PDB file of all heavy atoms in Angstrom:
ATOM      1  N   LEU A   1     146.727-144.659  28.978  1.00  0.00           N
ATOM      2  CA  LEU A   1     146.625-146.106  28.799  1.00  0.00           C
ATOM      3  C   LEU A   1     147.120-146.825  30.049  1.00  0.00           C
ATOM      4  O   LEU A   1     148.263-146.649  30.467  1.00  0.00           O
ATOM      5  CB  LEU A   1     147.461-146.556  27.599  1.00  0.00           C
ATOM      6  CG  LEU A   1     147.212-145.826  26.272  1.00  0.00           C
ATOM      7  CD1 LEU A   1     148.162-146.370  25.206  1.00  0.00           C
ATOM      8  CD2 LEU A   1     145.765-145.995  25.837  1.00  0.00           C
ATOM      9  N   GLU A   2     146.237-147.627  30.646  1.00  0.00           N
ATOM     10  CA  GLU A   2     146.694-148.514  31.716  1.00  0.00           C
ATOM     11  C   GLU A   2     147.396-149.698  31.066  1.00  0.00           C
ATOM     12  O   GLU A   2     146.820-150.403  30.236  1.00  0.00           O
ATOM     13  CB  GLU A   2     145.535-149.019  32.574  1.00  0.00           C
ATOM     14  CG  GLU A   2     146.045-149.940  33.678  1.00  0.00           C
ATOM     15  CD  GLU A   2     144.934-150.663  34.429  1.00  0.00           C
ATOM     16  OE1 GLU A   2     143.784-150.622  33.986  1.00  0.00           O
ATOM     17  OE2 GLU A   2     145.257-151.276  35.462  1.00  0.00           O
ATOM     18  N   THR A   3     148.646-149.900  31.418  1.00  0.00           N
ATOM     19  CA  THR A   3     149.453-150.953  30.799  1.00  0.00           C
ATOM     20  C   THR A   3     149.795-151.969  31.875  1.00  0.00           C
ATOM     21  O   THR A   3     150.713-151.775  32.666  1.00  0.00           O
ATOM     22  CB  THR A   3     150.734-150.359  30.190  1.00  0.00           C
ATOM     23  OG1 THR A   3     150.387-149.223  29.393  1.00  0.00           O
ATOM     24  CG2 THR A   3     151.452-151.371  29.328  1.00  0.00           C
ATOM     25  N   ALA A   4     149.036-153.053  31.921  1.00  0.00           N
ATOM     26  CA  ALA A   4     149.160-154.019  33.014  1.00  0.00           C
ATOM     27  C   ALA A   4     150.399-154.893  32.865  1.00  0.00           C
ATOM     28  O   ALA A   4     150.836-155.190  31.756  1.00  0.00           O
ATOM     29  CB  ALA A   4     147.907-154.893  33.072  1.00  0.00           C
ATOM     30  N   ARG A   5     150.927-155.306  33.998  1.00  0.00           N
ATOM     31  CA  ARG A   5     152.097-156.188  34.016  1.00  0.00           C
ATOM     32  C   ARG A   5     151.868-157.450  33.185  1.00  0.00           C
ATOM     33  O   ARG A   5     152.723-157.851  32.395  1.00  0.00           O
ATOM     34  CB  ARG A   5     152.382-156.555  35.483  1.00  0.00           C
ATOM     35  CG  ARG A   5     153.307-157.737  35.692  1.00  0.00           C
ATOM     36  CD  ARG A   5     152.901-158.497  36.945  1.00  0.00           C
ATOM     37  NE  ARG A   5     151.499-158.862  36.896  1.00  0.00           N
ATOM     38  CZ  ARG A   5     151.006-159.932  36.281  1.00  0.00           C
ATOM     39  NH1 ARG A   5     151.830-160.761  35.673  1.00  0.00           N
ATOM     40  NH2 ARG A   5     149.717-160.188  36.265  1.00  0.00           N
ATOM     41  N   GLY A   6     150.705-158.073  33.353  1.00  0.00           N
ATOM     42  CA  GLY A   6     150.431-159.297  32.613  1.00  0.00           C
ATOM     43  C   GLY A   6     150.399-159.071  31.116  1.00  0.00           C
ATOM     44  O   GLY A   6     150.927-159.869  30.336  1.00  0.00           O
ATOM     45  N   GLY A   7     149.787-157.970  30.705  1.00  0.00           N
ATOM     46  CA  GLY A   7     149.725-157.655  29.282  1.00  0.00           C
ATOM     47  C   GLY A   7     151.093-157.385  28.698  1.00  0.00           C
ATOM     48  O   GLY A   7     151.411-157.809  27.584  1.00  0.00           O
ATOM     49  N   LEU A   8     151.925-156.698  29.454  1.00  0.00           N
ATOM     50  CA  LEU A   8     153.289-156.421  28.989  1.00  0.00           C
ATOM     51  C   LEU A   8     154.071-157.717  28.774  1.00  0.00           C
ATOM     52  O   LEU A   8     154.790-157.877  27.785  1.00  0.00           O
ATOM     53  CB  LEU A   8     154.020-155.549  30.004  1.00  0.00           C
ATOM     54  CG  LEU A   8     153.603-154.081  30.105  1.00  0.00           C
ATOM     55  CD1 LEU A   8     154.219-153.432  31.338  1.00  0.00           C
ATOM     56  CD2 LEU A   8     154.009-153.314  28.861  1.00  0.00           C
ATOM     57  N   LEU A   9     153.913-158.646  29.705  1.00  0.00           N
ATOM     58  CA  LEU A   9     154.684-159.881  29.620  1.00  0.00           C
ATOM     59  C   LEU A   9     154.119-160.845  28.584  1.00  0.00           C
ATOM     60  O   LEU A   9     154.858-161.634  27.997  1.00  0.00           O
ATOM     61  CB  LEU A   9     154.732-160.553  30.996  1.00  0.00           C
ATOM     62  CG  LEU A   9     155.496-159.759  32.062  1.00  0.00           C
ATOM     63  CD1 LEU A   9     155.371-160.421  33.426  1.00  0.00           C
ATOM     64  CD2 LEU A   9     156.965-159.636  31.683  1.00  0.00           C
ATOM     65  N   ARG A  10     152.821-160.776  28.347  1.00  0.00           N
ATOM     66  CA  ARG A  10     152.215-161.659  27.346  1.00  0.00           C
ATOM     67  C   ARG A  10     152.376-161.120  25.936  1.00  0.00           C
ATOM     68  O   ARG A  10     152.632-161.869  24.999  1.00  0.00           O
ATOM     69  CB  ARG A  10     150.716-161.843  27.640  1.00  0.00           C
ATOM     70  CG  ARG A  10     150.404-162.770  28.791  1.00  0.00           C
ATOM     71  CD  ARG A  10     148.926-163.141  28.798  1.00  0.00           C
ATOM     72  NE  ARG A  10     148.071-161.987  28.987  1.00  0.00           N
ATOM     73  CZ  ARG A  10     147.669-161.523  30.172  1.00  0.00           C
ATOM     74  NH1 ARG A  10     148.070-162.126  31.273  1.00  0.00           N
ATOM     75  NH2 ARG A  10     146.877-160.471  30.268  1.00  0.00           N
ATOM     76  N   ARG A  11     152.208-159.807  25.775  1.00  0.00           N
ATOM     77  CA  ARG A  11     152.098-159.252  24.428  1.00  0.00           C
ATOM     78  C   ARG A  11     153.080-158.128  24.126  1.00  0.00           C
ATOM     79  O   ARG A  11     153.145-157.642  23.000  1.00  0.00           O
ATOM     80  CB  ARG A  11     150.670-158.742  24.198  1.00  0.00           C
ATOM     81  CG  ARG A  11     149.613-159.815  24.415  1.00  0.00           C
ATOM     82  CD  ARG A  11     148.219-159.294  24.090  1.00  0.00           C
ATOM     83  NE  ARG A  11     147.224-160.309  24.355  1.00  0.00           N
ATOM     84  CZ  ARG A  11     146.564-160.448  25.501  1.00  0.00           C
ATOM     85  NH1 ARG A  11     146.822-159.629  26.494  1.00  0.00           N
ATOM     86  NH2 ARG A  11     145.672-161.390  25.666  1.00  0.00           N
ATOM     87  N   GLY A  12     153.789-157.649  25.123  1.00  0.00           N
ATOM     88  CA  GLY A  12     154.732-156.573  24.884  1.00  0.00           C
ATOM     89  C   GLY A  12     154.097-155.201  25.045  1.00  0.00           C
ATOM     90  O   GLY A  12     152.939-155.061  25.424  1.00  0.00           O
ATOM     91  N   LEU A  13     154.881-154.177  24.750  1.00  0.00           N
ATOM     92  CA  LEU A  13     154.442-152.792  24.894  1.00  0.00           C
ATOM     93  C   LEU A  13     153.590-152.391  23.693  1.00  0.00           C
ATOM     94  O   LEU A  13     153.980-152.586  22.543  1.00  0.00           O
ATOM     95  CB  LEU A  13     155.671-151.887  24.999  1.00  0.00           C
ATOM     96  CG  LEU A  13     155.467-150.455  25.463  1.00  0.00           C
ATOM     97  CD1 LEU A  13     154.805-150.402  26.821  1.00  0.00           C
ATOM     98  CD2 LEU A  13     156.814-149.745  25.511  1.00  0.00           C
ATOM     99  N   ALA A  14     152.430-151.832  23.953  1.00  0.00           N
ATOM    100  CA  ALA A  14     151.457-151.579  22.880  1.00  0.00           C
ATOM    101  C   ALA A  14     151.785-150.328  22.065  1.00  0.00           C
ATOM    102  O   ALA A  14     151.291-150.176  20.949  1.00  0.00           O
ATOM    103  CB  ALA A  14     150.056-151.445  23.463  1.00  0.00           C
ATOM    104  N   VAL A  15     152.584-149.417  22.605  1.00  0.00           N
ATOM    105  CA  VAL A  15     152.885-148.172  21.900  1.00  0.00           C
ATOM    106  C   VAL A  15     154.392-148.005  21.781  1.00  0.00           C
ATOM    107  O   VAL A  15     155.160-148.497  22.613  1.00  0.00           O
ATOM    108  CB  VAL A  15     152.292-146.948  22.632  1.00  0.00           C
ATOM    109  CG1 VAL A  15     150.769-147.022  22.659  1.00  0.00           C
ATOM    110  CG2 VAL A  15     152.832-146.835  24.049  1.00  0.00           C
ATOM    111  N   LYS A  16     154.806-147.324  20.740  1.00  0.00           N
ATOM    112  CA  LYS A  16     156.241-147.097  20.522  1.00  0.00           C
ATOM    113  C   LYS A  16     156.727-145.821  21.184  1.00  0.00           C
ATOM    114  O   LYS A  16     157.900-145.693  21.521  1.00  0.00           O
ATOM    115  CB  LYS A  16     156.528-147.041  19.022  1.00  0.00           C
ATOM    116  CG  LYS A  16     156.316-148.379  18.307  1.00  0.00           C
ATOM    117  CD  LYS A  16     156.679-148.259  16.833  1.00  0.00           C
ATOM    118  CE  LYS A  16     156.520-149.600  16.126  1.00  0.00           C
ATOM    119  NZ  LYS A  16     156.866-149.510  14.679  1.00  0.00           N
ATOM    120  N   GLN A  17     155.822-144.845  21.324  1.00  0.00           N
ATOM    121  CA  GLN A  17     156.214-143.562  21.901  1.00  0.00           C
ATOM    122  C   GLN A  17     155.145-143.077  22.867  1.00  0.00           C
ATOM    123  O   GLN A  17     153.948-143.224  22.616  1.00  0.00           O
ATOM    124  CB  GLN A  17     156.412-142.510  20.805  1.00  0.00           C
ATOM    125  CG  GLN A  17     157.631-142.763  19.926  1.00  0.00           C
ATOM    126  CD  GLN A  17     157.854-141.621  18.950  1.00  0.00           C
ATOM    127  OE1 GLN A  17     156.910-140.980  18.503  1.00  0.00           O
ATOM    128  NE2 GLN A  17     159.111-141.384  18.611  1.00  0.00           N
ATOM    129  N   ALA A  18     155.592-142.501  23.975  1.00  0.00           N
ATOM    130  CA  ALA A  18     154.684-141.906  24.953  1.00  0.00           C
ATOM    131  C   ALA A  18     155.284-140.601  25.454  1.00  0.00           C
ATOM    132  O   ALA A  18     156.502-140.440  25.499  1.00  0.00           O
ATOM    133  CB  ALA A  18     154.457-142.859  26.117  1.00  0.00           C
ATOM    134  N   SER A  19     154.403-139.667  25.804  1.00  0.00           N
ATOM    135  CA  SER A  19     154.861-138.375  26.304  1.00  0.00           C
ATOM    136  C   SER A  19     155.303-138.440  27.758  1.00  0.00           C
ATOM    137  O   SER A  19     156.116-137.634  28.212  1.00  0.00           O
ATOM    138  CB  SER A  19     153.736-137.343  26.165  1.00  0.00           C
ATOM    139  OG  SER A  19     153.359-137.207  24.813  1.00  0.00           O
ATOM    140  N   VAL A  20     154.739-139.398  28.515  1.00  0.00           N
ATOM    141  CA  VAL A  20     155.068-139.560  29.926  1.00  0.00           C
ATOM    142  C   VAL A  20     154.662-140.973  30.327  1.00  0.00           C
ATOM    143  O   VAL A  20     153.736-141.551  29.746  1.00  0.00           O
ATOM    144  CB  VAL A  20     154.340-138.506  30.798  1.00  0.00           C
ATOM    145  CG1 VAL A  20     152.832-138.582  30.609  1.00  0.00           C
ATOM    146  CG2 VAL A  20     154.696-138.644  32.276  1.00  0.00           C
ATOM    147  N   ALA A  21     155.371-141.534  31.292  1.00  0.00           N
ATOM    148  CA  ALA A  21     155.011-142.840  31.843  1.00  0.00           C
ATOM    149  C   ALA A  21     155.007-142.727  33.357  1.00  0.00           C
ATOM    150  O   ALA A  21     155.809-141.983  33.932  1.00  0.00           O
ATOM    151  CB  ALA A  21     155.993-143.920  31.389  1.00  0.00           C
ATOM    152  N   ALA A  22     154.098-143.436  34.008  1.00  0.00           N
ATOM    153  CA  ALA A  22     153.991-143.365  35.468  1.00  0.00           C
ATOM    154  C   ALA A  22     153.826-144.756  36.047  1.00  0.00           C
ATOM    155  O   ALA A  22     153.107-145.593  35.493  1.00  0.00           O
ATOM    156  CB  ALA A  22     152.806-142.486  35.873  1.00  0.00           C
ATOM    157  N   ILE A  23     154.495-145.002  37.162  1.00  0.00           N
ATOM    158  CA  ILE A  23     154.327-146.237  37.929  1.00  0.00           C
ATOM    159  C   ILE A  23     154.074-145.823  39.372  1.00  0.00           C
ATOM    160  O   ILE A  23     154.907-145.178  40.001  1.00  0.00           O
ATOM    161  CB  ILE A  23     155.561-147.147  37.836  1.00  0.00           C
ATOM    162  CG1 ILE A  23     155.890-147.450  36.366  1.00  0.00           C
ATOM    163  CG2 ILE A  23     155.325-148.444  38.597  1.00  0.00           C
ATOM    164  CD1 ILE A  23     157.182-148.204  36.174  1.00  0.00           C
ATOM    165  N   THR A  24     152.925-146.212  39.899  1.00  0.00           N
ATOM    166  CA  THR A  24     152.543-145.739  41.233  1.00  0.00           C
ATOM    167  C   THR A  24     153.196-146.537  42.356  1.00  0.00           C
ATOM    168  O   THR A  24     153.537-145.986  43.401  1.00  0.00           O
ATOM    169  CB  THR A  24     151.015-145.788  41.407  1.00  0.00           C
ATOM    170  OG1 THR A  24     150.552-147.120  41.106  1.00  0.00           O
ATOM    171  CG2 THR A  24     150.334-144.804  40.478  1.00  0.00           C
ATOM    172  N   ASN A  25     153.368-147.849  42.164  1.00  0.00           N
ATOM    173  CA  ASN A  25     153.968-148.668  43.220  1.00  0.00           C
ATOM    174  C   ASN A  25     154.121-150.096  42.711  1.00  0.00           C
ATOM    175  O   ASN A  25     153.590-150.448  41.652  1.00  0.00           O
ATOM    176  CB  ASN A  25     153.103-148.665  44.489  1.00  0.00           C
ATOM    177  CG  ASN A  25     151.785-149.389  44.268  1.00  0.00           C
ATOM    178  OD1 ASN A  25     150.996-149.039  43.398  1.00  0.00           O
ATOM    179  ND2 ASN A  25     151.554-150.420  45.052  1.00  0.00           N
ATOM    180  N   VAL A  26     154.823-150.914  43.468  1.00  0.00           N
ATOM    181  CA  VAL A  26     154.885-152.349  43.199  1.00  0.00           C
ATOM    182  C   VAL A  26     154.613-153.082  44.504  1.00  0.00           C
ATOM    183  O   VAL A  26     154.917-152.582  45.586  1.00  0.00           O
ATOM    184  CB  VAL A  26     156.247-152.783  42.611  1.00  0.00           C
ATOM    185  CG1 VAL A  26     156.457-152.192  41.230  1.00  0.00           C
ATOM    186  CG2 VAL A  26     157.399-152.387  43.532  1.00  0.00           C
ATOM    187  N   SER A  27     154.013-154.271  44.393  1.00  0.00           N
ATOM    188  CA  SER A  27     153.729-155.069  45.576  1.00  0.00           C
ATOM    189  C   SER A  27     153.666-156.536  45.190  1.00  0.00           C
ATOM    190  O   SER A  27     153.624-156.884  44.008  1.00  0.00           O
ATOM    191  CB  SER A  27     152.410-154.628  46.231  1.00  0.00           C
ATOM    192  OG  SER A  27     151.326-154.849  45.347  1.00  0.00           O
TER     193      SER A  27
END
């Protein structure tokens, strides 16, 4: 699941549990 910054801030985290999370970079 691609979890965009805007979506997180507007609607929160869509899932309660994940096996792994990745963040490639910030800019």
